Amino acid sequence: MSSGAQPSHPHMTPKTTPPDLILTGTLDHETTRHLCEAARAALQAAEADGDVLVCDVAGLGPPVLAAIDALARLQLTARRAGGRIRLRNAAPDLRELLDLVGLPIEVEVGRQAEQREPPGCVQEAVEARDPPLA
């Protein structure tokens, strides 16, 4: 590009504080390369040791090994730049696949929409046929 402007990429949106990437769609080899470049640049711009690059993965498609490969490469890039990645809004299927393949990536754990019970409450159901507890 002769204008010197950076090309925009539909699969990533760098933010400023803290450095964030929003991952959407299918993560192929070219997208992964762009993500790693963006991660490296964001962590180098942060200029602090132990920086965390928060990656919002809510917009990723179904968890497939290509996504796991991309996340592993992103984590490696972040480690080489002196940081690490943390996943935000990771679907349960993605978290399970990360555990299955043994990829140690930090995942922010939040409440799921279907878990709307008040915190600290215990839900118990008693069957009429259950004997009383002594």
N, C-alpha and C. Protein backbone atom coordinates (compact mmCIF):
# COMPACT_ATOMS: atom_id res chain seq x y z
N MET A 1 0.83 -1.16 0.00
CA MET A 1 0.00 0.00 0.00
C MET A 1 0.88 1.23 0.00
N SER A 2 0.63 2.14 -0.88
CA SER A 2 1.47 3.31 -0.99
C SER A 2 1.07 4.42 -0.04
N SER A 3 -0.15 4.40 0.49
CA SER A 3 -0.62 5.47 1.36
C SER A 3 -0.04 5.35 2.77
N GLY A 4 0.53 4.21 3.12
CA GLY A 4 1.10 4.01 4.44
C GLY A 4 0.08 3.63 5.49
N ALA A 5 -1.17 3.55 5.13
CA ALA A 5 -2.21 3.18 6.07
C ALA A 5 -2.18 1.67 6.29
N GLN A 6 -2.46 1.28 7.50
CA GLN A 6 -2.51 -0.14 7.82
C GLN A 6 -3.80 -0.73 7.27
N PRO A 7 -3.74 -1.90 6.64
CA PRO A 7 -4.97 -2.51 6.15
C PRO A 7 -5.84 -2.96 7.31
N SER A 8 -7.14 -2.77 7.16
CA SER A 8 -8.03 -3.25 8.22
C SER A 8 -8.30 -4.72 7.96
N HIS A 9 -8.52 -5.44 9.01
CA HIS A 9 -8.77 -6.88 8.89
C HIS A 9 -10.06 -7.18 9.64
N PRO A 10 -11.01 -7.86 9.04
CA PRO A 10 -12.31 -8.07 9.68
C PRO A 10 -12.25 -8.97 10.92
N HIS A 11 -11.15 -9.67 11.12
CA HIS A 11 -11.10 -10.63 12.22
C HIS A 11 -10.46 -10.07 13.48
N MET A 12 -10.01 -8.82 13.47
CA MET A 12 -9.37 -8.31 14.67
C MET A 12 -9.61 -6.82 14.80
N THR A 13 -9.72 -6.38 16.02
CA THR A 13 -9.90 -4.97 16.31
C THR A 13 -9.02 -4.63 17.50
N PRO A 14 -7.84 -4.01 17.27
CA PRO A 14 -7.01 -3.65 18.41
C PRO A 14 -7.65 -2.50 19.19
N LYS A 15 -7.55 -2.55 20.49
CA LYS A 15 -8.02 -1.49 21.37
C LYS A 15 -6.82 -0.99 22.17
N THR A 16 -7.03 -0.01 23.01
CA THR A 16 -5.91 0.53 23.75
C THR A 16 -5.79 -0.07 25.14
N THR A 17 -6.37 0.46 26.17
CA THR A 17 -6.08 0.02 27.52
C THR A 17 -7.20 -0.84 28.07
N PRO A 18 -7.03 -2.04 28.53
CA PRO A 18 -5.86 -2.87 28.25
C PRO A 18 -5.87 -3.33 26.80
N PRO A 19 -4.73 -3.78 26.31
CA PRO A 19 -4.72 -4.22 24.90
C PRO A 19 -5.67 -5.39 24.71
N ASP A 20 -6.55 -5.27 23.76
CA ASP A 20 -7.56 -6.29 23.49
C ASP A 20 -7.54 -6.65 22.01
N LEU A 21 -7.94 -7.88 21.73
CA LEU A 21 -8.23 -8.32 20.37
C LEU A 21 -9.60 -8.96 20.40
N ILE A 22 -10.38 -8.67 19.39
CA ILE A 22 -11.69 -9.31 19.25
C ILE A 22 -11.59 -10.28 18.09
N LEU A 23 -11.73 -11.56 18.39
CA LEU A 23 -11.60 -12.60 17.37
C LEU A 23 -12.99 -13.00 16.90
N THR A 24 -13.18 -12.98 15.60
CA THR A 24 -14.47 -13.36 15.03
C THR A 24 -14.26 -14.25 13.82
N GLY A 25 -15.28 -14.97 13.46
CA GLY A 25 -15.25 -15.78 12.24
C GLY A 25 -14.38 -17.01 12.37
N THR A 26 -13.89 -17.45 11.25
CA THR A 26 -13.04 -18.64 11.18
C THR A 26 -11.59 -18.19 11.17
N LEU A 27 -10.76 -18.82 11.98
CA LEU A 27 -9.35 -18.44 12.08
C LEU A 27 -8.52 -19.33 11.17
N ASP A 28 -8.22 -18.82 9.97
CA ASP A 28 -7.36 -19.57 9.06
C ASP A 28 -5.91 -19.12 9.26
N HIS A 29 -5.01 -19.64 8.43
CA HIS A 29 -3.57 -19.36 8.58
C HIS A 29 -3.27 -17.87 8.42
N GLU A 30 -3.85 -17.25 7.43
CA GLU A 30 -3.59 -15.82 7.18
C GLU A 30 -4.14 -14.96 8.32
N THR A 31 -5.32 -15.25 8.81
CA THR A 31 -5.89 -14.51 9.93
C THR A 31 -5.03 -14.67 11.17
N THR A 32 -4.56 -15.88 11.41
CA THR A 32 -3.70 -16.15 12.56
C THR A 32 -2.42 -15.32 12.48
N ARG A 33 -1.85 -15.22 11.30
CA ARG A 33 -0.64 -14.42 11.13
C ARG A 33 -0.90 -12.95 11.47
N HIS A 34 -2.03 -12.42 11.01
CA HIS A 34 -2.39 -11.04 11.31
C HIS A 34 -2.65 -10.85 12.81
N LEU A 35 -3.31 -11.81 13.43
CA LEU A 35 -3.56 -11.73 14.86
C LEU A 35 -2.27 -11.71 15.66
N CYS A 36 -1.32 -12.54 15.26
CA CYS A 36 -0.04 -12.60 15.97
C CYS A 36 0.72 -11.28 15.82
N GLU A 37 0.67 -10.69 14.63
CA GLU A 37 1.31 -9.39 14.42
C GLU A 37 0.65 -8.32 15.30
N ALA A 38 -0.68 -8.33 15.37
CA ALA A 38 -1.40 -7.36 16.19
C ALA A 38 -1.10 -7.57 17.68
N ALA A 39 -1.01 -8.83 18.10
CA ALA A 39 -0.70 -9.13 19.50
C ALA A 39 0.70 -8.65 19.86
N ARG A 40 1.65 -8.93 19.01
CA ARG A 40 3.03 -8.51 19.24
C ARG A 40 3.11 -6.99 19.36
N ALA A 41 2.46 -6.29 18.43
CA ALA A 41 2.48 -4.83 18.44
C ALA A 41 1.80 -4.27 19.70
N ALA A 42 0.67 -4.85 20.09
CA ALA A 42 -0.06 -4.36 21.27
C ALA A 42 0.75 -4.57 22.54
N LEU A 43 1.40 -5.72 22.67
CA LEU A 43 2.18 -6.00 23.87
C LEU A 43 3.45 -5.16 23.91
N GLN A 44 4.07 -4.92 22.77
CA GLN A 44 5.26 -4.07 22.74
C GLN A 44 4.90 -2.63 23.05
N ALA A 45 3.74 -2.18 22.62
CA ALA A 45 3.30 -0.81 22.89
C ALA A 45 2.95 -0.62 24.37
N ALA A 46 2.59 -1.69 25.06
CA ALA A 46 2.21 -1.59 26.46
C ALA A 46 3.41 -1.30 27.36
N GLU A 47 4.59 -1.72 26.95
CA GLU A 47 5.86 -1.44 27.63
C GLU A 47 5.87 -1.82 29.10
N ALA A 48 5.30 -2.93 29.46
CA ALA A 48 5.36 -3.40 30.84
C ALA A 48 5.48 -4.92 30.85
N ASP A 49 6.22 -5.44 31.80
CA ASP A 49 6.37 -6.89 31.90
C ASP A 49 5.09 -7.52 32.41
N GLY A 50 4.83 -8.73 31.97
CA GLY A 50 3.67 -9.47 32.44
C GLY A 50 2.35 -8.95 31.91
N ASP A 51 2.37 -8.26 30.79
CA ASP A 51 1.12 -7.74 30.24
C ASP A 51 0.21 -8.88 29.80
N VAL A 52 -1.07 -8.62 29.91
CA VAL A 52 -2.09 -9.58 29.51
C VAL A 52 -2.82 -9.02 28.31
N LEU A 53 -2.90 -9.81 27.26
CA LEU A 53 -3.65 -9.44 26.08
C LEU A 53 -5.00 -10.14 26.18
N VAL A 54 -6.05 -9.38 26.37
CA VAL A 54 -7.39 -9.96 26.51
C VAL A 54 -7.97 -10.17 25.12
N CYS A 55 -8.36 -11.40 24.85
CA CYS A 55 -8.92 -11.76 23.55
C CYS A 55 -10.38 -12.16 23.73
N ASP A 56 -11.27 -11.37 23.17
CA ASP A 56 -12.69 -11.67 23.23
C ASP A 56 -13.00 -12.67 22.12
N VAL A 57 -13.42 -13.86 22.50
CA VAL A 57 -13.64 -14.93 21.53
C VAL A 57 -15.12 -15.27 21.36
N ALA A 58 -15.99 -14.36 21.80
CA ALA A 58 -17.43 -14.62 21.69
C ALA A 58 -17.87 -14.77 20.24
N GLY A 59 -17.20 -14.10 19.31
CA GLY A 59 -17.60 -14.13 17.91
C GLY A 59 -16.97 -15.24 17.10
N LEU A 60 -16.21 -16.11 17.74
CA LEU A 60 -15.62 -17.23 17.00
C LEU A 60 -16.71 -18.22 16.61
N GLY A 61 -16.48 -18.89 15.53
CA GLY A 61 -17.40 -19.95 15.12
C GLY A 61 -17.27 -21.13 16.06
N PRO A 62 -17.81 -22.25 15.66
CA PRO A 62 -17.72 -23.45 16.50
C PRO A 62 -16.26 -23.78 16.78
N PRO A 63 -15.95 -24.27 17.98
CA PRO A 63 -14.56 -24.59 18.30
C PRO A 63 -14.05 -25.75 17.46
N VAL A 64 -13.04 -25.47 16.69
CA VAL A 64 -12.39 -26.48 15.85
C VAL A 64 -10.90 -26.40 16.11
N LEU A 65 -10.17 -27.39 15.63
CA LEU A 65 -8.74 -27.41 15.88
C LEU A 65 -8.01 -26.23 15.25
N ALA A 66 -8.54 -25.66 14.17
CA ALA A 66 -7.91 -24.48 13.58
C ALA A 66 -7.95 -23.31 14.56
N ALA A 67 -9.03 -23.18 15.31
CA ALA A 67 -9.12 -22.13 16.32
C ALA A 67 -8.14 -22.40 17.45
N ILE A 68 -8.00 -23.65 17.86
CA ILE A 68 -7.05 -24.00 18.91
C ILE A 68 -5.62 -23.72 18.45
N ASP A 69 -5.32 -24.05 17.19
CA ASP A 69 -4.01 -23.75 16.62
C ASP A 69 -3.74 -22.24 16.65
N ALA A 70 -4.73 -21.45 16.26
CA ALA A 70 -4.58 -19.99 16.25
C ALA A 70 -4.35 -19.47 17.67
N LEU A 71 -5.10 -19.98 18.64
CA LEU A 71 -4.94 -19.53 20.02
C LEU A 71 -3.58 -19.94 20.58
N ALA A 72 -3.10 -21.13 20.21
CA ALA A 72 -1.78 -21.57 20.65
C ALA A 72 -0.69 -20.67 20.07
N ARG A 73 -0.81 -20.32 18.79
CA ARG A 73 0.18 -19.44 18.17
C ARG A 73 0.11 -18.04 18.77
N LEU A 74 -1.08 -17.59 19.09
CA LEU A 74 -1.27 -16.28 19.71
C LEU A 74 -0.64 -16.27 21.11
N GLN A 75 -0.84 -17.34 21.86
CA GLN A 75 -0.22 -17.45 23.19
C GLN A 75 1.30 -17.47 23.08
N LEU A 76 1.84 -18.20 22.13
CA LEU A 76 3.29 -18.27 21.94
C LEU A 76 3.84 -16.89 21.57
N THR A 77 3.16 -16.19 20.69
CA THR A 77 3.59 -14.84 20.30
C THR A 77 3.59 -13.91 21.51
N ALA A 78 2.53 -13.99 22.32
CA ALA A 78 2.44 -13.15 23.51
C ALA A 78 3.55 -13.47 24.49
N ARG A 79 3.85 -14.75 24.69
CA ARG A 79 4.94 -15.15 25.59
C ARG A 79 6.28 -14.61 25.11
N ARG A 80 6.52 -14.69 23.82
CA ARG A 80 7.77 -14.18 23.26
C ARG A 80 7.88 -12.66 23.42
N ALA A 81 6.75 -11.98 23.49
CA ALA A 81 6.73 -10.52 23.67
C ALA A 81 6.68 -10.15 25.15
N GLY A 82 6.77 -11.14 26.03
CA GLY A 82 6.79 -10.87 27.46
C GLY A 82 5.44 -10.81 28.12
N GLY A 83 4.41 -11.32 27.47
CA GLY A 83 3.07 -11.28 28.04
C GLY A 83 2.38 -12.61 27.95
N ARG A 84 1.08 -12.56 28.02
CA ARG A 84 0.26 -13.77 27.88
C ARG A 84 -1.12 -13.34 27.40
N ILE A 85 -1.91 -14.31 26.98
CA ILE A 85 -3.27 -13.98 26.56
C ILE A 85 -4.27 -14.50 27.59
N ARG A 86 -5.41 -13.86 27.62
CA ARG A 86 -6.54 -14.30 28.45
C ARG A 86 -7.77 -14.25 27.56
N LEU A 87 -8.55 -15.31 27.58
CA LEU A 87 -9.75 -15.37 26.76
C LEU A 87 -10.94 -14.86 27.53
N ARG A 88 -11.73 -14.04 26.86
CA ARG A 88 -12.96 -13.50 27.44
C ARG A 88 -14.12 -14.02 26.62
N ASN A 89 -15.23 -14.34 27.27
CA ASN A 89 -16.45 -14.81 26.62
C ASN A 89 -16.23 -16.12 25.85
N ALA A 90 -15.43 -17.01 26.41
CA ALA A 90 -15.18 -18.30 25.77
C ALA A 90 -16.37 -19.22 26.01
N ALA A 91 -16.88 -19.79 24.95
CA ALA A 91 -18.00 -20.73 25.05
C ALA A 91 -17.54 -21.99 25.79
N PRO A 92 -18.47 -22.67 26.46
CA PRO A 92 -18.10 -23.90 27.16
C PRO A 92 -17.43 -24.93 26.25
N ASP A 93 -17.89 -25.05 25.00
CA ASP A 93 -17.28 -26.00 24.07
C ASP A 93 -15.82 -25.66 23.80
N LEU A 94 -15.50 -24.36 23.68
CA LEU A 94 -14.13 -23.94 23.45
C LEU A 94 -13.27 -24.24 24.68
N ARG A 95 -13.80 -23.96 25.85
CA ARG A 95 -13.05 -24.25 27.08
C ARG A 95 -12.77 -25.74 27.21
N GLU A 96 -13.76 -26.57 26.88
CA GLU A 96 -13.58 -28.02 26.95
C GLU A 96 -12.51 -28.49 25.96
N LEU A 97 -12.53 -27.92 24.75
CA LEU A 97 -11.53 -28.32 23.76
C LEU A 97 -10.13 -27.88 24.18
N LEU A 98 -10.01 -26.70 24.78
CA LEU A 98 -8.72 -26.24 25.30
C LEU A 98 -8.21 -27.20 26.37
N ASP A 99 -9.10 -27.63 27.27
CA ASP A 99 -8.72 -28.60 28.29
C ASP A 99 -8.33 -29.93 27.68
N LEU A 100 -9.09 -30.36 26.69
CA LEU A 100 -8.84 -31.65 26.04
C LEU A 100 -7.45 -31.71 25.41
N VAL A 101 -7.06 -30.64 24.73
CA VAL A 101 -5.75 -30.63 24.06
C VAL A 101 -4.63 -30.20 25.00
N GLY A 102 -4.98 -29.76 26.22
CA GLY A 102 -3.96 -29.40 27.21
C GLY A 102 -3.30 -28.07 26.97
N LEU A 103 -4.01 -27.13 26.37
CA LEU A 103 -3.44 -25.81 26.09
C LEU A 103 -3.70 -24.89 27.28
N PRO A 104 -2.64 -24.49 27.98
CA PRO A 104 -2.82 -23.69 29.20
C PRO A 104 -3.03 -22.21 28.90
N ILE A 105 -4.24 -21.85 28.55
CA ILE A 105 -4.58 -20.45 28.30
C ILE A 105 -5.57 -20.03 29.37
N GLU A 106 -5.29 -18.88 29.97
CA GLU A 106 -6.17 -18.34 31.00
C GLU A 106 -7.51 -17.95 30.38
N VAL A 107 -8.58 -18.32 31.05
CA VAL A 107 -9.93 -18.02 30.58
C VAL A 107 -10.67 -17.29 31.68
N GLU A 108 -11.22 -16.12 31.35
CA GLU A 108 -12.07 -15.41 32.30
C GLU A 108 -13.34 -16.22 32.47
N VAL A 109 -13.69 -16.51 33.70
CA VAL A 109 -14.88 -17.30 33.96
C VAL A 109 -15.97 -16.36 34.44
N GLY A 110 -17.05 -16.34 33.70
CA GLY A 110 -18.20 -15.52 34.07
C GLY A 110 -19.41 -16.39 34.17
N ARG A 111 -20.47 -15.82 34.64
CA ARG A 111 -21.71 -16.57 34.76
C ARG A 111 -22.35 -16.74 33.39
N GLN A 112 -22.93 -17.86 33.18
CA GLN A 112 -23.63 -18.13 31.94
C GLN A 112 -25.06 -17.61 32.05
N ALA A 113 -25.66 -17.25 30.94
CA ALA A 113 -27.00 -16.67 30.93
C ALA A 113 -28.04 -17.59 31.57
N GLU A 114 -27.87 -18.91 31.43
CA GLU A 114 -28.86 -19.82 31.97
C GLU A 114 -28.70 -20.03 33.47
N GLN A 115 -27.67 -19.46 34.08
CA GLN A 115 -27.44 -19.61 35.51
C GLN A 115 -27.83 -18.32 36.21
N ARG A 116 -29.11 -18.06 36.33
CA ARG A 116 -29.58 -16.80 36.87
C ARG A 116 -29.99 -16.88 38.34
N GLU A 117 -29.59 -17.91 39.05
CA GLU A 117 -29.96 -18.00 40.45
C GLU A 117 -29.13 -16.98 41.25
N PRO A 118 -29.67 -16.48 42.35
CA PRO A 118 -28.91 -15.53 43.17
C PRO A 118 -27.66 -16.20 43.73
N PRO A 119 -26.55 -15.45 43.88
CA PRO A 119 -25.32 -16.05 44.40
C PRO A 119 -25.51 -16.54 45.83
N GLY A 120 -24.91 -17.67 46.13
CA GLY A 120 -24.92 -18.19 47.48
C GLY A 120 -26.15 -18.98 47.86
N CYS A 121 -27.13 -19.07 47.01
CA CYS A 121 -28.35 -19.82 47.33
C CYS A 121 -28.18 -21.27 46.88
N VAL A 122 -28.78 -22.14 47.66
CA VAL A 122 -28.75 -23.56 47.33
C VAL A 122 -30.16 -23.96 46.92
N GLN A 123 -30.26 -24.58 45.79
CA GLN A 123 -31.56 -25.05 45.33
C GLN A 123 -31.68 -26.52 45.69
N GLU A 124 -32.74 -26.83 46.43
CA GLU A 124 -32.96 -28.22 46.80
C GLU A 124 -34.35 -28.63 46.37
N ALA A 125 -34.45 -29.83 45.92
CA ALA A 125 -35.74 -30.38 45.57
C ALA A 125 -35.97 -31.59 46.47
N VAL A 126 -37.14 -31.68 47.03
CA VAL A 126 -37.47 -32.79 47.91
C VAL A 126 -38.58 -33.58 47.24
N GLU A 127 -38.35 -34.85 47.11
CA GLU A 127 -39.36 -35.75 46.58
C GLU A 127 -40.26 -36.19 47.72
N ALA A 128 -41.53 -36.34 47.42
CA ALA A 128 -42.48 -36.74 48.45
C ALA A 128 -42.14 -38.12 49.01
N ARG A 129 -41.50 -38.96 48.23
CA ARG A 129 -41.16 -40.31 48.66
C ARG A 129 -39.86 -40.38 49.45
N ASP A 130 -39.11 -39.26 49.55
CA ASP A 130 -37.84 -39.27 50.28
C ASP A 130 -38.08 -39.38 51.77
N PRO A 131 -37.33 -40.25 52.47
CA PRO A 131 -37.47 -40.35 53.93
C PRO A 131 -36.90 -39.08 54.57
N PRO A 132 -37.42 -38.67 55.72
CA PRO A 132 -36.88 -37.50 56.41
C PRO A 132 -35.46 -37.75 56.89
N LEU A 133 -34.65 -36.68 56.91
CA LEU A 133 -33.28 -36.80 57.40
C LEU A 133 -33.27 -36.73 58.91
N ALA A 134 -32.45 -37.54 59.54
CA ALA A 134 -32.40 -37.56 61.00
C ALA A 134 -31.41 -36.56 61.53
